[in-house]
Amino acid sequence: MKKKLLLSMLVCMSISITYAQTSLRVYQILQDNCAGCHSAASPAGGLDLQGSSATDVYNNVYQTTPSNTYAASKDYDIIYPGRPDKSYAFRMIQDGFEPFIEMEAGEMGATPHGDVAIGLTDVEKELMRQWIIFGAPANGTVVDETMLDTYYSGAGLETFPNGRPDAPDPSEGFQLKMGPFFIKAGLSEEVEYFQKYELDNPDDIEITRIETMMDGNSSHHFILYDFNSNSSAANQPHGLRLNADHFNVSLVEAVQDEADLRLPQGSAFFWDANKVLDFNSHYINYNNVPYKSEVYLNVYYQESGIAAQEMKSELIVNDNICIPNNGDPYSVAQNVTYPLGDIYIWAVSGHTHKLGTGYKMWKRESGATTELIYDAACWEGVPGCVSPLYDFQHIPFRYFEPLLPLTMNFFNGFVHEASWVNDSPSIVCWGDTSDDEMMVLILMYLEDITGVTVDVEDANNPLSEVKAFPNPMSEMSIISIPENIGAVDLKLFDLLGNEIRSMTNIREQQIQLDRGQLAAGMYVYFLEDEAGNSHSGKIIVE
């Protein structure tokens, strides 16, 4: 009688606060759907979901080892804060709801836990998933259930409408996931979260490729850090958090769009056993319906000891910026002279928010600014483009192949410069939201190139400098031809090798490629001059 009275009180409390307590709603869901079998009288699998109070039930599931030997061997908890995929209770009731979870025969047990057996709605499953993703707090609200009702009624958008992206073959790599987390309806609503993520890799590994998959239109950025020690990671709470609050971390990658980061052969990121990562995702909802945000990472690795060199990454931050609101162009330059000695740059990219109009980088030699080596207004960041266009949402990386040698000391290094125009009603300074501004350079480099090989285009081929911009293209792209080449022929192929278009005896320096009837996707263009020199490249049609 006391248990029924307590349950009635909790249910009434949940209703009276209109879904305000997510933890109480999860307790209610477990009571309504699971306590019949998992009761104090005869707890199936040794799991009591009835208890004498919500606190008892919470203590029975939070970070406790399941009785299922297979699940225990995988280091699952009944509820693993922050990780639905490692929460055995959620794995058992999700029944295909979470595509990232692939059930194994050994964890299923004798009792079915599908929709028919338990009868959970999508909203109830999502409530439990969100509660876990936000760290499974003992009390408080982590998500607005009315927003979930709206989303699962069909009035919502998501990052991956076609389902989970393909994962690597297990012999080559593994897939990681951040989210989902939901952004309420309303133009330019945004959220930014951090999350520590334990890999549980038993051995040291070398990372040779990271494929980052997200919504390039709605994602403002994704940054991947790794903790330099497990002790510093242990101080971070589980689940999504609003503030970085991390220390003793290193940058792995920082991207604004989907990216396939393939490191030069012979180099790799070195990750110790039981590596703990820290994710940072910033999404903006440009729609008037709820938005389901997610990020997937395909990580490719090899055994430790194969790569000759370790790839290093740095975030070069200048947070001493305030842009006056006079509508005039405004720029800030910063000398970077870290005492790194001789390094070899592989990739650079800038980062501003929406007031940004440009980002550039020059060499600094003997105290003087010299060669311009990066221009974010040009395709692939290569300076000297014919029609510069700066898009703060799709700032390019420039990859240096061959690697760019640079000496870093007090007199040498580089200068990076960001430019803005602020015609808003107020001065805008450094900040995390899209209404603030930033000046950040991402730098990826090696300290030695012994044993490292990269693809190098023939320096004697005059077509090696051919570029296509904009790329990706919407309606039109320009293929820029160097001077004094003479006539060239152009062919365009789809990825099956079918010739789509052909143009001959072209003598202009700019070839306009109109979209016409081209479907969205990737295409390959092939150029050949009268001397037999050739060049090929890829164009993406949005």
Protein backbone atom coordinates (compact mmCIF):
# COMPACT_ATOMS: atom_id res chain seq x y z
CA MET A 1 0.00 0.00 0.00
CA LYS A 2 2.81 2.43 0.85
CA LYS A 3 4.55 1.70 -2.45
CA LYS A 4 1.34 2.30 -4.41
CA LEU A 5 0.76 5.53 -2.51
CA LEU A 6 4.32 6.67 -3.22
CA LEU A 7 3.95 5.82 -6.90
CA SER A 8 0.67 7.72 -7.08
CA MET A 9 2.29 10.74 -5.44
CA LEU A 10 5.22 10.65 -7.89
CA VAL A 11 2.95 10.29 -10.92
CA CYS A 12 0.76 13.16 -9.73
CA MET A 13 3.86 15.24 -9.06
CA SER A 14 5.14 14.57 -12.58
CA ILE A 15 1.82 15.62 -14.07
CA SER A 16 1.49 18.71 -11.89
CA ILE A 17 4.85 20.09 -12.97
CA THR A 18 4.09 19.41 -16.67
CA TYR A 19 7.06 17.17 -17.34
CA ALA A 20 9.46 19.45 -15.43
CA GLN A 21 11.38 16.62 -13.71
CA THR A 22 12.96 14.32 -16.30
CA SER A 23 14.32 12.01 -13.62
CA LEU A 24 10.82 11.52 -12.17
CA ARG A 25 9.41 10.88 -15.64
CA VAL A 26 12.03 8.17 -16.22
CA TYR A 27 11.13 6.66 -12.85
CA GLN A 28 7.48 6.73 -13.85
CA ILE A 29 8.26 5.02 -17.18
CA LEU A 30 10.20 2.26 -15.42
CA GLN A 31 7.40 1.77 -12.90
CA ASP A 32 4.65 1.68 -15.50
CA ASN A 33 6.42 -0.64 -17.93
CA CYS A 34 9.15 -2.60 -16.17
CA ALA A 35 8.41 -2.98 -12.45
CA GLY A 36 5.92 -5.76 -13.10
CA CYS A 37 8.81 -8.14 -13.77
CA HIS A 38 11.58 -6.25 -12.00
CA SER A 39 9.92 -5.92 -8.61
CA ALA A 40 11.21 -6.26 -5.09
CA ALA A 41 9.27 -9.51 -4.67
CA SER A 42 10.89 -11.34 -7.60
CA PRO A 43 13.29 -9.06 -9.49
CA ALA A 44 14.00 -10.51 -12.92
CA GLY A 45 17.71 -10.58 -13.55
CA GLY A 46 18.25 -9.45 -9.97
CA LEU A 47 17.13 -5.92 -10.92
CA ASP A 48 14.61 -4.20 -8.63
CA LEU A 49 12.91 -1.30 -10.44
CA GLN A 50 10.15 -0.94 -7.88
CA GLY A 51 12.04 -0.29 -4.69
CA SER A 52 10.59 1.66 -1.81
CA SER A 53 11.29 5.06 -3.40
CA ALA A 54 12.54 6.76 -6.53
CA THR A 55 15.89 7.17 -4.76
CA ASP A 56 16.12 3.42 -4.15
CA VAL A 57 15.44 2.68 -7.79
CA TYR A 58 17.99 5.28 -8.86
CA ASN A 59 20.63 3.68 -6.63
CA ASN A 60 19.74 0.26 -8.05
CA VAL A 61 20.50 1.33 -11.63
CA TYR A 62 23.00 4.23 -11.60
CA GLN A 63 26.50 2.95 -12.41
CA THR A 64 25.72 -0.56 -11.22
CA THR A 65 26.92 -3.72 -12.96
CA PRO A 66 24.22 -5.79 -14.70
CA SER A 67 23.80 -9.47 -13.82
CA ASN A 68 24.08 -10.40 -17.51
CA THR A 69 27.64 -11.73 -17.82
CA TYR A 70 28.06 -10.61 -21.42
CA ALA A 71 26.99 -7.04 -20.64
CA ALA A 72 29.24 -6.99 -17.59
CA SER A 73 32.18 -8.19 -19.71
CA LYS A 74 31.60 -5.21 -22.04
CA ASP A 75 31.83 -2.84 -19.03
CA TYR A 76 28.20 -1.78 -19.42
CA ASP A 77 26.35 -0.36 -16.42
CA ILE A 78 22.61 -0.70 -15.95
CA ILE A 79 22.66 3.08 -16.43
CA TYR A 80 25.99 4.44 -17.67
CA PRO A 81 25.75 8.24 -17.35
CA GLY A 82 26.31 10.01 -20.67
CA ARG A 83 26.31 6.84 -22.77
CA PRO A 84 23.04 5.20 -23.87
CA ASP A 85 25.10 2.67 -25.83
CA LYS A 86 26.76 1.49 -22.58
CA SER A 87 23.55 1.57 -20.52
CA TYR A 88 22.26 -2.00 -20.40
CA ALA A 89 18.75 -1.00 -19.33
CA PHE A 90 18.38 1.29 -22.34
CA ARG A 91 19.93 -1.25 -24.70
CA MET A 92 17.30 -3.75 -23.62
CA ILE A 93 14.28 -1.50 -24.18
CA GLN A 94 15.33 0.58 -27.22
CA ASP A 95 14.44 -2.13 -29.80
CA GLY A 96 16.08 -0.42 -32.78
CA PHE A 97 15.23 3.09 -31.63
CA GLU A 98 18.94 3.97 -31.29
CA PRO A 99 20.64 2.97 -34.56
CA PHE A 100 24.09 3.28 -32.99
CA ILE A 101 23.32 0.28 -30.77
CA GLU A 102 23.85 -3.15 -32.29
CA MET A 103 22.50 -5.82 -29.96
CA GLU A 104 24.54 -8.98 -29.42
CA ALA A 105 23.02 -12.39 -28.80
CA GLY A 106 24.80 -12.78 -25.48
CA GLU A 107 23.13 -9.77 -23.89
CA MET A 108 19.56 -10.52 -24.90
CA GLY A 109 18.74 -13.05 -22.18
CA ALA A 110 15.57 -15.14 -22.21
CA THR A 111 12.99 -12.33 -21.97
CA PRO A 112 12.04 -10.16 -24.97
CA HIS A 113 12.16 -6.40 -24.41
CA GLY A 114 10.78 -5.11 -27.71
CA ASP A 115 7.85 -2.77 -28.35
CA VAL A 116 5.29 -5.53 -27.96
CA ALA A 117 6.69 -6.74 -24.67
CA ILE A 118 7.07 -3.34 -23.02
CA GLY A 119 5.03 -0.92 -25.11
CA LEU A 120 7.20 2.20 -24.76
CA THR A 121 6.43 5.10 -27.06
CA ASP A 122 9.16 6.92 -29.00
CA VAL A 123 8.78 9.90 -26.68
CA GLU A 124 9.26 7.69 -23.62
CA LYS A 125 12.36 6.09 -25.16
CA GLU A 126 13.70 9.52 -26.06
CA LEU A 127 13.11 10.79 -22.54
CA MET A 128 15.19 7.95 -21.18
CA ARG A 129 17.89 8.44 -23.81
CA GLN A 130 18.10 12.19 -23.15
CA TRP A 131 18.22 11.62 -19.40
CA ILE A 132 21.20 9.29 -19.87
CA ILE A 133 22.93 11.56 -22.42
CA PHE A 134 22.78 14.45 -19.94
CA GLY A 135 24.44 12.36 -17.25
CA ALA A 136 21.41 10.63 -15.68
CA PRO A 137 20.95 13.24 -12.92
CA ALA A 138 19.07 12.20 -9.78
CA ASN A 139 16.76 15.19 -10.16
CA GLY A 140 16.10 18.10 -12.47
CA THR A 141 15.05 18.64 -16.07
CA VAL A 142 17.29 17.93 -19.06
CA VAL A 143 14.81 18.18 -21.94
CA ASP A 144 11.42 19.72 -22.66
CA GLU A 145 9.02 16.82 -23.15
CA THR A 146 6.53 19.00 -25.02
CA MET A 147 9.27 19.63 -27.62
CA LEU A 148 9.76 15.86 -27.93
CA ASP A 149 5.98 15.44 -28.36
CA THR A 150 6.13 17.96 -31.21
CA TYR A 151 9.15 16.31 -32.82
CA TYR A 152 7.73 12.77 -32.70
CA SER A 153 4.38 13.95 -34.01
CA GLY A 154 6.25 14.53 -37.28
CA ALA A 155 6.93 18.27 -36.93
CA GLY A 156 10.71 18.21 -36.69
CA LEU A 157 14.00 17.95 -38.61
CA GLU A 158 17.12 15.89 -37.98
CA THR A 159 20.78 15.78 -38.94
CA PHE A 160 20.63 12.31 -40.52
CA PRO A 161 17.18 11.75 -42.08
CA ASN A 162 18.53 8.73 -43.97
CA GLY A 163 19.74 7.01 -40.83
CA ARG A 164 23.08 6.25 -39.26
CA PRO A 165 26.10 6.74 -41.55
CA ASP A 166 28.05 3.63 -42.47
CA ALA A 167 30.72 2.69 -39.93
CA PRO A 168 34.24 1.49 -40.78
CA ASP A 169 34.95 -2.18 -41.10
CA PRO A 170 35.86 -3.34 -37.56
CA SER A 171 39.26 -4.44 -38.84
CA GLU A 172 40.01 -0.84 -39.85
CA GLY A 173 38.32 1.37 -37.29
CA PHE A 174 35.31 2.21 -35.16
CA GLN A 175 32.48 4.72 -35.01
CA LEU A 176 31.76 7.27 -32.26
CA LYS A 177 28.66 9.36 -31.71
CA MET A 178 27.70 12.57 -29.93
CA GLY A 179 24.01 13.15 -29.31
CA PRO A 180 21.31 13.39 -30.19
CA PHE A 181 20.41 16.64 -28.48
CA PHE A 182 17.41 18.74 -29.41
CA ILE A 183 17.16 22.46 -30.24
CA LYS A 184 13.80 24.12 -29.80
CA ALA A 185 11.96 25.68 -32.71
CA GLY A 186 12.82 29.25 -33.60
CA LEU A 187 15.16 30.94 -36.04
CA SER A 188 18.79 30.96 -34.88
CA GLU A 189 18.20 29.06 -31.64
CA GLU A 190 21.50 27.42 -30.74
CA VAL A 191 23.22 25.12 -28.25
CA GLU A 192 26.84 24.21 -27.60
CA TYR A 193 27.79 21.18 -25.56
CA PHE A 194 30.90 19.38 -24.38
CA GLN A 195 31.06 15.67 -23.52
CA LYS A 196 33.83 13.40 -22.31
CA TYR A 197 33.87 10.07 -24.09
CA GLU A 198 35.75 6.97 -22.87
CA LEU A 199 37.10 4.76 -25.64
CA ASP A 200 38.03 1.71 -23.53
CA ASN A 201 40.73 0.79 -26.06
CA PRO A 202 42.89 -1.87 -24.38
CA ASP A 203 46.09 -0.96 -26.24
CA ASP A 204 47.86 2.12 -27.58
CA ILE A 205 46.70 2.91 -31.12
CA GLU A 206 47.64 5.25 -33.97
CA ILE A 207 44.89 7.24 -35.70
CA THR A 208 45.44 7.70 -39.44
CA ARG A 209 42.05 9.06 -40.50
CA ILE A 210 39.02 10.75 -38.89
CA GLU A 211 35.81 11.18 -40.88
CA THR A 212 33.51 13.75 -39.23
CA MET A 213 29.86 13.61 -40.25
CA MET A 214 27.37 16.32 -39.27
CA ASP A 215 25.01 18.87 -40.82
CA GLY A 216 27.22 21.34 -42.65
CA ASN A 217 24.41 23.88 -42.83
CA SER A 218 23.32 23.80 -39.18
CA SER A 219 26.54 22.86 -37.38
CA HIS A 220 28.66 25.86 -36.41
CA HIS A 221 31.62 23.70 -35.48
CA PHE A 222 32.82 20.42 -34.04
CA ILE A 223 36.04 20.21 -32.02
CA LEU A 224 37.68 17.02 -30.83
CA TYR A 225 40.05 17.14 -27.86
CA ASP A 226 41.82 14.36 -26.00
CA PHE A 227 42.69 14.38 -22.32
CA ASN A 228 46.41 14.08 -21.66
CA SER A 229 45.81 11.99 -18.54
CA ASN A 230 42.99 9.87 -17.20
CA SER A 231 43.18 11.74 -13.91
CA SER A 232 42.23 15.03 -15.58
CA ALA A 233 39.40 13.26 -17.43
CA ALA A 234 38.11 11.78 -14.18
CA ASN A 235 37.44 15.29 -12.87
CA GLN A 236 34.93 15.92 -15.65
CA PRO A 237 31.27 14.97 -15.07
CA HIS A 238 29.56 12.45 -17.31
CA GLY A 239 27.11 13.57 -19.96
CA LEU A 240 26.59 16.77 -21.94
CA ARG A 241 27.79 19.94 -20.25
CA LEU A 242 27.47 23.59 -21.27
CA ASN A 243 30.98 24.73 -20.34
CA ALA A 244 34.37 23.42 -21.38
CA ASP A 245 35.83 23.51 -17.85
CA HIS A 246 38.51 21.11 -19.03
CA PHE A 247 42.23 21.22 -18.44
CA ASN A 248 45.24 19.20 -19.55
CA VAL A 249 43.71 18.56 -22.97
CA SER A 250 45.16 18.59 -26.49
CA LEU A 251 43.46 19.47 -29.75
CA VAL A 252 42.88 16.66 -32.23
CA GLU A 253 40.74 18.38 -34.87
CA ALA A 254 38.44 21.39 -35.31
CA VAL A 255 36.07 21.54 -38.30
CA GLN A 256 33.09 23.62 -39.40
CA ASP A 257 31.77 21.24 -42.00
CA GLU A 258 31.83 17.55 -42.76
CA ALA A 259 35.47 16.53 -43.13
CA ASP A 260 37.50 13.48 -44.04
CA LEU A 261 40.85 14.00 -42.36
CA ARG A 262 43.38 11.61 -43.92
CA LEU A 263 46.79 12.13 -42.39
CA PRO A 264 49.94 11.98 -44.55
CA GLN A 265 51.26 8.45 -44.87
CA GLY A 266 53.74 7.73 -42.11
CA SER A 267 52.05 10.08 -39.61
CA ALA A 268 49.28 9.55 -37.07
CA PHE A 269 47.70 10.83 -33.90
CA PHE A 270 49.06 8.76 -31.01
CA TRP A 271 46.36 7.66 -28.54
CA ASP A 272 47.23 5.82 -25.34
CA ALA A 273 45.29 2.84 -24.03
CA ASN A 274 41.95 3.72 -22.43
CA LYS A 275 42.00 7.11 -24.14
CA VAL A 276 39.37 9.62 -23.04
CA LEU A 277 38.21 12.20 -25.58
CA ASP A 278 36.28 15.43 -25.14
CA PHE A 279 33.71 16.38 -27.78
CA ASN A 280 32.52 19.93 -28.46
CA SER A 281 29.54 20.43 -30.78
CA HIS A 282 27.81 23.73 -31.60
CA TYR A 283 24.55 23.55 -33.56
CA ILE A 284 22.18 26.30 -34.69
CA ASN A 285 18.53 25.72 -35.57
CA TYR A 286 17.54 27.86 -38.56
CA ASN A 287 14.07 26.29 -38.72
CA ASN A 288 10.74 26.91 -37.04
CA VAL A 289 10.44 23.28 -35.87
CA PRO A 290 12.52 21.29 -33.32
CA TYR A 291 15.87 20.06 -34.61
CA LYS A 292 17.58 16.79 -33.64
CA SER A 293 21.37 17.34 -33.66
CA GLU A 294 23.99 14.59 -33.94
CA VAL A 295 27.65 14.09 -34.86
CA TYR A 296 29.24 10.82 -35.99
CA LEU A 297 32.97 10.12 -36.17
CA ASN A 298 34.55 7.28 -38.14
CA VAL A 299 37.98 6.70 -36.65
CA TYR A 300 40.53 4.60 -38.54
CA TYR A 301 43.51 3.22 -36.67
CA GLN A 302 46.53 0.94 -36.78
CA GLU A 303 48.68 -0.75 -34.17
CA SER A 304 51.09 1.39 -32.20
CA GLY A 305 54.63 1.60 -33.57
CA ILE A 306 53.83 1.75 -37.29
CA ALA A 307 53.75 5.53 -37.90
CA ALA A 308 57.11 7.31 -38.11
CA GLN A 309 55.85 10.68 -36.80
CA GLU A 310 53.12 12.05 -34.52
CA MET A 311 50.73 14.64 -35.93
CA LYS A 312 50.36 17.66 -33.60
CA SER A 313 47.45 20.12 -33.47
CA GLU A 314 47.11 23.57 -31.91
CA LEU A 315 44.32 26.10 -31.46
CA ILE A 316 45.83 29.57 -31.84
CA VAL A 317 43.36 31.84 -30.02
CA ASN A 318 43.26 35.63 -29.88
CA ASP A 319 40.41 36.45 -27.50
CA ASN A 320 41.42 40.11 -27.14
CA ILE A 321 39.04 41.37 -29.82
CA CYS A 322 36.19 43.89 -29.87
CA ILE A 323 34.77 44.99 -33.22
CA PRO A 324 33.43 48.58 -33.30
CA ASN A 325 29.92 49.01 -34.68
CA ASN A 326 30.68 51.72 -37.23
CA GLY A 327 30.17 49.60 -40.37
CA ASP A 328 33.81 50.04 -41.43
CA PRO A 329 36.26 47.21 -42.20
CA TYR A 330 38.17 46.24 -39.06
CA SER A 331 41.14 43.86 -38.79
CA VAL A 332 43.25 42.41 -36.00
CA ALA A 333 46.65 40.77 -36.59
CA GLN A 334 48.62 38.68 -34.12
CA ASN A 335 52.24 37.52 -34.27
CA VAL A 336 52.65 33.85 -33.30
CA THR A 337 56.18 32.94 -32.22
CA TYR A 338 55.77 29.78 -30.13
CA PRO A 339 59.21 28.23 -29.36
CA LEU A 340 58.54 25.05 -31.32
CA GLY A 341 61.74 25.15 -33.37
CA ASP A 342 61.57 23.75 -36.89
CA ILE A 343 58.14 22.37 -37.79
CA TYR A 344 56.39 21.19 -40.94
CA ILE A 345 52.87 22.48 -41.45
CA TRP A 346 50.30 20.09 -42.91
CA ALA A 347 47.05 22.04 -42.52
CA VAL A 348 45.69 25.41 -41.37
CA SER A 349 42.21 26.92 -41.12
CA GLY A 350 40.76 30.09 -39.63
CA HIS A 351 37.55 30.63 -37.69
CA THR A 352 35.32 33.66 -37.14
CA HIS A 353 31.63 34.19 -36.60
CA LYS A 354 29.11 35.91 -38.87
CA LEU A 355 30.68 39.41 -38.87
CA GLY A 356 33.87 37.94 -40.34
CA THR A 357 34.94 39.08 -43.79
CA GLY A 358 38.35 37.44 -44.07
CA TYR A 359 41.10 35.35 -42.49
CA LYS A 360 44.73 35.30 -43.65
CA MET A 361 48.10 33.96 -42.57
CA TRP A 362 51.62 35.08 -43.50
CA LYS A 363 55.09 33.78 -42.76
CA ARG A 364 57.10 35.84 -40.27
CA GLU A 365 60.84 35.70 -40.91
CA SER A 366 63.50 37.59 -38.94
CA GLY A 367 60.81 39.77 -37.42
CA ALA A 368 59.25 40.75 -40.77
CA THR A 369 55.95 39.66 -42.33
CA THR A 370 56.68 37.98 -45.66
CA GLU A 371 54.82 35.43 -47.81
CA LEU A 372 51.01 35.09 -47.69
CA ILE A 373 50.38 31.36 -47.23
CA TYR A 374 46.66 31.15 -46.38
CA ASP A 375 43.59 33.06 -47.54
CA ALA A 376 40.25 31.79 -46.28
CA ALA A 377 38.43 33.67 -49.06
CA CYS A 378 39.97 31.36 -51.67
CA TRP A 379 39.09 27.80 -52.59
CA GLU A 380 41.21 25.41 -50.49
CA GLY A 381 42.73 28.45 -48.75
CA VAL A 382 45.29 28.99 -51.53
CA PRO A 383 46.07 32.72 -51.98
CA GLY A 384 45.70 34.40 -55.34
CA CYS A 385 42.23 33.28 -56.39
CA VAL A 386 40.48 35.28 -59.10
CA SER A 387 37.18 35.77 -57.25
CA PRO A 388 37.71 35.71 -53.48
CA LEU A 389 34.62 34.89 -51.41
CA TYR A 390 34.67 34.53 -47.62
CA ASP A 391 31.99 32.26 -46.12
CA PHE A 392 32.27 32.16 -42.32
CA GLN A 393 30.22 28.95 -42.19
CA HIS A 394 32.48 27.05 -44.60
CA ILE A 395 36.01 28.31 -43.95
CA PRO A 396 38.42 26.07 -45.89
CA PHE A 397 41.42 24.14 -44.68
CA ARG A 398 44.60 24.54 -46.67
CA TYR A 399 46.58 21.31 -46.86
CA PHE A 400 50.25 21.70 -47.66
CA GLU A 401 51.54 18.85 -49.76
CA PRO A 402 54.52 18.90 -49.72
CA LEU A 403 54.53 20.00 -46.08
CA LEU A 404 55.50 23.62 -45.42
CA PRO A 405 58.70 24.03 -43.36
CA LEU A 406 58.55 26.85 -40.81
CA THR A 407 60.87 27.96 -38.03
CA MET A 408 59.09 28.96 -34.82
CA ASN A 409 60.99 31.10 -32.30
CA PHE A 410 61.07 34.68 -30.99
CA PHE A 411 61.86 36.21 -34.40
CA ASN A 412 60.18 33.68 -36.70
CA GLY A 413 56.78 32.08 -37.04
CA PHE A 414 53.66 33.44 -38.65
CA VAL A 415 51.09 36.22 -38.51
CA HIS A 416 47.37 35.51 -38.63
CA GLU A 417 44.80 38.22 -39.26
CA ALA A 418 41.00 38.23 -39.05
CA SER A 419 38.76 40.91 -40.55
CA TRP A 420 35.20 41.92 -39.76
CA VAL A 421 32.54 44.50 -40.58
CA ASN A 422 30.15 45.30 -37.73
CA ASP A 423 27.03 47.25 -38.71
CA SER A 424 25.02 45.97 -35.73
CA PRO A 425 23.63 48.27 -33.00
CA SER A 426 26.45 47.44 -30.55
CA ILE A 427 30.14 46.62 -30.23
CA VAL A 428 30.78 42.86 -30.55
CA CYS A 429 33.58 41.18 -28.59
CA TRP A 430 34.91 37.66 -28.06
CA GLY A 431 32.32 35.08 -27.05
CA ASP A 432 31.00 31.58 -27.60
CA THR A 433 27.64 32.25 -29.25
CA SER A 434 27.12 33.05 -32.92
CA ASP A 435 26.20 36.61 -31.91
CA ASP A 436 29.69 37.07 -30.44
CA GLU A 437 32.93 36.95 -32.41
CA MET A 438 36.05 34.81 -32.52
CA MET A 439 39.56 34.79 -33.93
CA VAL A 440 40.94 31.24 -33.95
CA LEU A 441 43.49 29.50 -36.17
CA ILE A 442 43.74 25.71 -36.36
CA LEU A 443 47.30 24.51 -36.98
CA MET A 444 48.32 20.90 -37.71
CA TYR A 445 52.00 20.06 -38.06
CA LEU A 446 54.83 17.56 -37.68
CA GLU A 447 58.09 18.13 -35.84
CA ASP A 448 59.98 15.82 -38.23
CA ILE A 449 59.21 14.46 -41.70
CA THR A 450 61.51 11.43 -41.62
CA GLY A 451 59.50 8.45 -42.80
CA VAL A 452 56.53 10.58 -43.93
CA THR A 453 55.35 10.60 -47.55
CA VAL A 454 52.72 12.76 -49.20
CA ASP A 455 51.32 12.97 -52.71
CA VAL A 456 53.14 15.74 -54.59
CA GLU A 457 51.94 17.10 -57.91
CA ASP A 458 54.53 17.51 -60.65
CA ALA A 459 56.02 20.99 -60.24
CA ASN A 460 56.76 21.07 -63.99
CA ASN A 461 53.11 20.52 -64.90
CA PRO A 462 51.58 23.97 -65.63
CA LEU A 463 48.08 22.57 -64.98
CA SER A 464 48.93 21.63 -61.39
CA GLU A 465 47.71 25.07 -60.25
CA VAL A 466 44.22 24.63 -61.70
CA LYS A 467 41.46 25.29 -59.15
CA ALA A 468 37.67 25.14 -59.21
CA PHE A 469 35.59 27.57 -57.15
CA PRO A 470 33.12 27.73 -55.55
CA ASN A 471 33.36 24.09 -54.61
CA PRO A 472 30.87 22.75 -53.54
CA MET A 473 28.86 24.53 -56.23
CA SER A 474 25.18 25.34 -56.36
CA GLU A 475 24.46 26.74 -59.83
CA MET A 476 27.90 27.42 -61.29
CA SER A 477 31.62 26.88 -60.72
CA ILE A 478 34.66 28.53 -62.32
CA ILE A 479 37.70 26.44 -63.31
CA SER A 480 40.69 28.79 -63.26
CA ILE A 481 43.45 28.11 -65.83
CA PRO A 482 46.99 29.59 -65.41
CA GLU A 483 48.24 32.09 -67.99
CA ASN A 484 50.01 31.07 -71.21
CA ILE A 485 48.70 27.52 -71.23
CA GLY A 486 47.19 27.63 -74.69
CA ALA A 487 44.19 25.54 -75.64
CA VAL A 488 42.83 22.90 -73.26
CA ASP A 489 40.18 20.21 -73.45
CA LEU A 490 37.78 19.57 -70.58
CA LYS A 491 35.81 16.45 -69.77
CA LEU A 492 33.44 15.87 -66.85
CA PHE A 493 32.75 12.38 -65.46
CA ASP A 494 30.43 10.96 -62.83
CA LEU A 495 31.80 8.59 -60.18
CA LEU A 496 30.93 5.57 -62.34
CA GLY A 497 33.28 6.84 -65.05
CA ASN A 498 30.56 7.97 -67.44
CA GLU A 499 31.46 11.04 -69.48
CA ILE A 500 28.86 13.72 -68.74
CA ARG A 501 30.22 16.71 -70.68
CA SER A 502 33.03 17.57 -73.04
CA MET A 503 34.53 20.90 -74.21
CA THR A 504 37.44 21.26 -76.63
CA ASN A 505 39.92 23.95 -77.71
CA ILE A 506 39.22 26.24 -74.73
CA ARG A 507 41.51 29.28 -74.64
CA GLU A 508 39.95 31.29 -71.80
CA GLN A 509 41.59 31.51 -68.37
CA GLN A 510 38.24 30.93 -66.68
CA ILE A 511 35.98 28.06 -67.71
CA GLN A 512 32.42 28.47 -66.47
CA LEU A 513 30.84 25.16 -65.57
CA ASP A 514 27.07 25.55 -65.23
CA ARG A 515 25.09 23.05 -63.20
CA GLY A 516 22.36 22.62 -65.75
CA GLN A 517 20.80 19.19 -65.23
CA LEU A 518 23.56 17.83 -62.99
CA ALA A 519 22.15 15.99 -59.98
CA ALA A 520 23.58 16.61 -56.53
CA GLY A 521 26.74 14.59 -55.94
CA MET A 522 30.44 14.39 -56.74
CA TYR A 523 31.96 14.66 -60.22
CA VAL A 524 35.49 14.48 -61.63
CA TYR A 525 36.81 16.95 -64.21
CA PHE A 526 39.77 16.15 -66.46
CA LEU A 527 41.86 18.78 -68.28
CA GLU A 528 44.52 18.24 -70.94
CA ASP A 529 46.59 20.85 -72.81
CA GLU A 530 48.19 20.72 -76.26
CA ALA A 531 51.50 19.55 -74.77
CA GLY A 532 49.88 16.52 -73.17
CA ASN A 533 49.93 17.83 -69.60
CA SER A 534 46.83 16.78 -67.68
CA HIS A 535 45.09 17.50 -64.41
CA SER A 536 42.02 16.11 -62.68
CA GLY A 537 39.98 17.33 -59.75
CA LYS A 538 36.68 16.84 -57.96
CA ILE A 539 33.62 19.09 -57.95
CA ILE A 540 30.74 18.64 -55.54
CA VAL A 541 27.28 19.74 -56.67
CA GLU A 542 24.99 20.65 -53.76
